[in-house]
Amino acid sequence: RAGTVQSSVWRSPNPLLFPPLPPLPPVWHQHASEMDPAQLQAAMGGGGGGMTPEQAQEMQARQQAMEERRQAILKAVLSNEARERLGRIATVKAEKARQIEDMLIQQAQSGRLQGQVTDEKLIDMLEGVNEAGKKTTVKFSRKTAMDDDW
């Protein structure tokens, strides 16, 4: 055995107990950064519900257009100070900022906003949202002297 070359592939001593594993698909040998997005999506199980790369790109473009429209509405509705405040809130509590943005856009589209929203109006809206979120109740159940669970 001194002259034989060892294979780098591990072979099972008992093929009945440990059958050989099938080879990995060739795409698994590449690093994710070396793959294009369609290849990566296929390697990860197809994800995306069977969307083609063109459909995924179209959906992403649609979402980007919606976000740009959203930002344009907010820019028209909010004063500079209010926009800055909402931006600072978004860095800390993104879901709360998104909720306020949704409220503002809905009011603007339905015509319930008169003029621009100032910083003071935005603060009032934030306080209203905070008050609505604080309506939690706590129920205490105290044991009496006659309880058997002592």
Protein backbone atom coordinates (compact mmCIF):
# COMPACT_ATOMS: atom_id res chain seq x y z
CA ARG A 1 0.00 0.00 0.00
CA ALA A 2 2.90 2.38 0.27
CA GLY A 3 2.78 3.18 -3.45
CA THR A 4 -0.98 3.81 -3.73
CA VAL A 5 -2.44 7.28 -3.84
CA GLN A 6 -5.28 8.02 -1.43
CA SER A 7 -8.43 9.55 -2.88
CA SER A 8 -9.68 12.79 -1.32
CA VAL A 9 -13.22 11.38 -1.32
CA TRP A 10 -14.21 9.50 1.81
CA ARG A 11 -15.49 6.01 1.17
CA SER A 12 -17.69 4.20 3.61
CA PRO A 13 -16.23 1.03 5.16
CA ASN A 14 -19.66 -0.59 4.84
CA PRO A 15 -21.69 0.68 1.84
CA LEU A 16 -24.84 -1.01 3.16
CA LEU A 17 -24.80 0.99 6.39
CA PHE A 18 -23.45 4.22 4.91
CA PRO A 19 -24.44 4.55 1.25
CA PRO A 20 -22.45 7.11 -0.74
CA LEU A 21 -23.93 10.60 -0.87
CA PRO A 22 -25.00 11.98 -4.22
CA PRO A 23 -22.74 14.69 -5.62
CA LEU A 24 -23.70 18.32 -4.96
CA PRO A 25 -25.25 20.27 -7.83
CA PRO A 26 -22.59 22.33 -9.63
CA VAL A 27 -24.16 25.63 -8.56
CA TRP A 28 -23.46 24.82 -4.88
CA HIS A 29 -19.76 24.88 -5.55
CA GLN A 30 -19.92 28.59 -6.39
CA HIS A 31 -19.98 31.34 -3.81
CA ALA A 32 -23.22 33.37 -3.72
CA SER A 33 -21.36 36.51 -4.79
CA GLU A 34 -20.25 34.76 -7.99
CA MET A 35 -23.83 33.92 -9.06
CA ASP A 36 -26.27 36.12 -10.88
CA PRO A 37 -29.62 36.74 -9.04
CA ALA A 38 -31.57 34.23 -11.14
CA GLN A 39 -29.00 31.51 -10.48
CA LEU A 40 -28.98 32.31 -6.76
CA GLN A 41 -32.77 32.20 -6.59
CA ALA A 42 -32.82 28.83 -8.37
CA ALA A 43 -30.14 27.46 -6.04
CA MET A 44 -32.16 28.48 -3.00
CA GLY A 45 -35.17 26.49 -4.07
CA GLY A 46 -36.72 28.75 -6.62
CA GLY A 47 -38.32 31.12 -4.07
CA GLY A 48 -40.47 33.98 -5.33
CA GLY A 49 -43.39 31.72 -6.22
CA GLY A 50 -42.12 30.82 -9.68
CA MET A 51 -41.48 34.38 -10.83
CA THR A 52 -39.20 34.84 -13.75
CA PRO A 53 -36.38 37.37 -13.39
CA GLU A 54 -38.30 39.74 -15.67
CA GLN A 55 -41.39 39.54 -13.45
CA ALA A 56 -39.31 40.10 -10.32
CA GLN A 57 -37.62 43.10 -11.93
CA GLU A 58 -41.01 44.49 -13.01
CA MET A 59 -42.39 44.06 -9.49
CA GLN A 60 -39.35 45.79 -8.00
CA ALA A 61 -39.75 48.68 -10.46
CA ARG A 62 -43.44 48.95 -9.54
CA GLN A 63 -42.61 49.05 -5.81
CA GLN A 64 -39.94 51.69 -6.42
CA ALA A 65 -42.42 53.82 -8.39
CA MET A 66 -44.97 53.52 -5.58
CA GLU A 67 -42.37 54.56 -3.01
CA GLU A 68 -41.35 57.56 -5.15
CA ARG A 69 -45.01 58.59 -5.44
CA ARG A 70 -45.40 58.19 -1.68
CA GLN A 71 -42.37 60.40 -1.02
CA ALA A 72 -43.66 63.03 -3.47
CA ILE A 73 -47.01 63.18 -1.65
CA LEU A 74 -45.29 63.47 1.72
CA LYS A 75 -42.99 66.21 0.40
CA ALA A 76 -46.00 68.19 -0.80
CA VAL A 77 -47.99 67.68 2.41
CA LEU A 78 -45.31 68.16 5.10
CA SER A 79 -43.41 71.31 5.99
CA ASN A 80 -39.62 71.06 6.14
CA GLU A 81 -39.58 70.88 9.96
CA ALA A 82 -42.29 68.22 10.02
CA ARG A 83 -40.47 66.19 7.37
CA GLU A 84 -37.25 66.35 9.39
CA ARG A 85 -39.06 65.28 12.57
CA LEU A 86 -40.71 62.37 10.78
CA GLY A 87 -37.32 61.34 9.41
CA ARG A 88 -35.84 61.31 12.90
CA ILE A 89 -38.77 59.25 14.15
CA ALA A 90 -38.29 56.81 11.28
CA THR A 91 -34.72 56.13 12.34
CA VAL A 92 -35.90 55.14 15.83
CA LYS A 93 -39.36 53.68 15.23
CA ALA A 94 -39.85 52.87 11.57
CA GLU A 95 -43.28 51.26 12.06
CA LYS A 96 -44.65 54.32 13.87
CA ALA A 97 -43.30 56.67 11.19
CA ARG A 98 -44.83 54.46 8.49
CA GLN A 99 -48.17 54.57 10.32
CA ILE A 100 -48.08 58.38 10.47
CA GLU A 101 -47.07 58.55 6.79
CA ASP A 102 -50.00 56.29 5.87
CA MET A 103 -52.38 58.50 7.83
CA LEU A 104 -51.06 61.64 6.14
CA ILE A 105 -51.27 60.14 2.65
CA GLN A 106 -54.79 58.87 3.27
CA GLN A 107 -55.92 62.28 4.54
CA ALA A 108 -54.24 64.04 1.61
CA GLN A 109 -55.87 61.74 -0.95
CA SER A 110 -59.31 62.13 0.61
CA GLY A 111 -58.96 65.93 0.78
CA ARG A 112 -59.10 66.20 4.58
CA LEU A 113 -55.82 68.14 4.83
CA GLN A 114 -55.94 71.91 4.49
CA GLY A 115 -52.51 73.28 3.66
CA GLN A 116 -49.22 71.83 4.77
CA VAL A 117 -48.81 69.85 7.97
CA THR A 118 -46.63 71.86 10.31
CA ASP A 119 -44.39 70.51 13.03
CA GLU A 120 -47.06 71.29 15.66
CA LYS A 121 -49.77 69.40 13.74
CA LEU A 122 -47.41 66.46 13.35
CA ILE A 123 -46.71 66.46 17.10
CA ASP A 124 -50.48 66.41 17.73
CA MET A 125 -50.85 63.44 15.38
CA LEU A 126 -47.99 61.63 17.12
CA GLU A 127 -49.56 62.20 20.52
CA GLY A 128 -52.85 60.85 19.20
CA VAL A 129 -51.14 57.72 17.90
CA ASN A 130 -49.28 57.30 21.21
CA GLU A 131 -52.49 57.68 23.21
CA ALA A 132 -54.29 55.12 21.02
CA GLY A 133 -51.47 52.63 21.61
CA LYS A 134 -51.50 53.07 25.40
CA LYS A 135 -54.98 51.64 25.94
CA THR A 136 -53.85 48.46 27.63
CA THR A 137 -55.59 46.97 30.59
CA VAL A 138 -54.13 44.91 33.37
CA LYS A 139 -56.38 42.68 35.42
CA PHE A 140 -55.27 41.67 38.88
CA SER A 141 -56.70 38.55 40.41
CA ARG A 142 -56.01 38.49 44.11
CA LYS A 143 -56.46 35.46 46.26
CA THR A 144 -58.79 35.72 49.20
CA ALA A 145 -58.17 34.25 52.62
CA MET A 146 -60.51 31.36 51.86
CA ASP A 147 -58.63 30.16 48.72
CA ASP A 148 -57.36 26.60 48.86
CA ASP A 149 -54.47 27.37 46.49
CA TRP A 150 -52.20 28.77 49.20
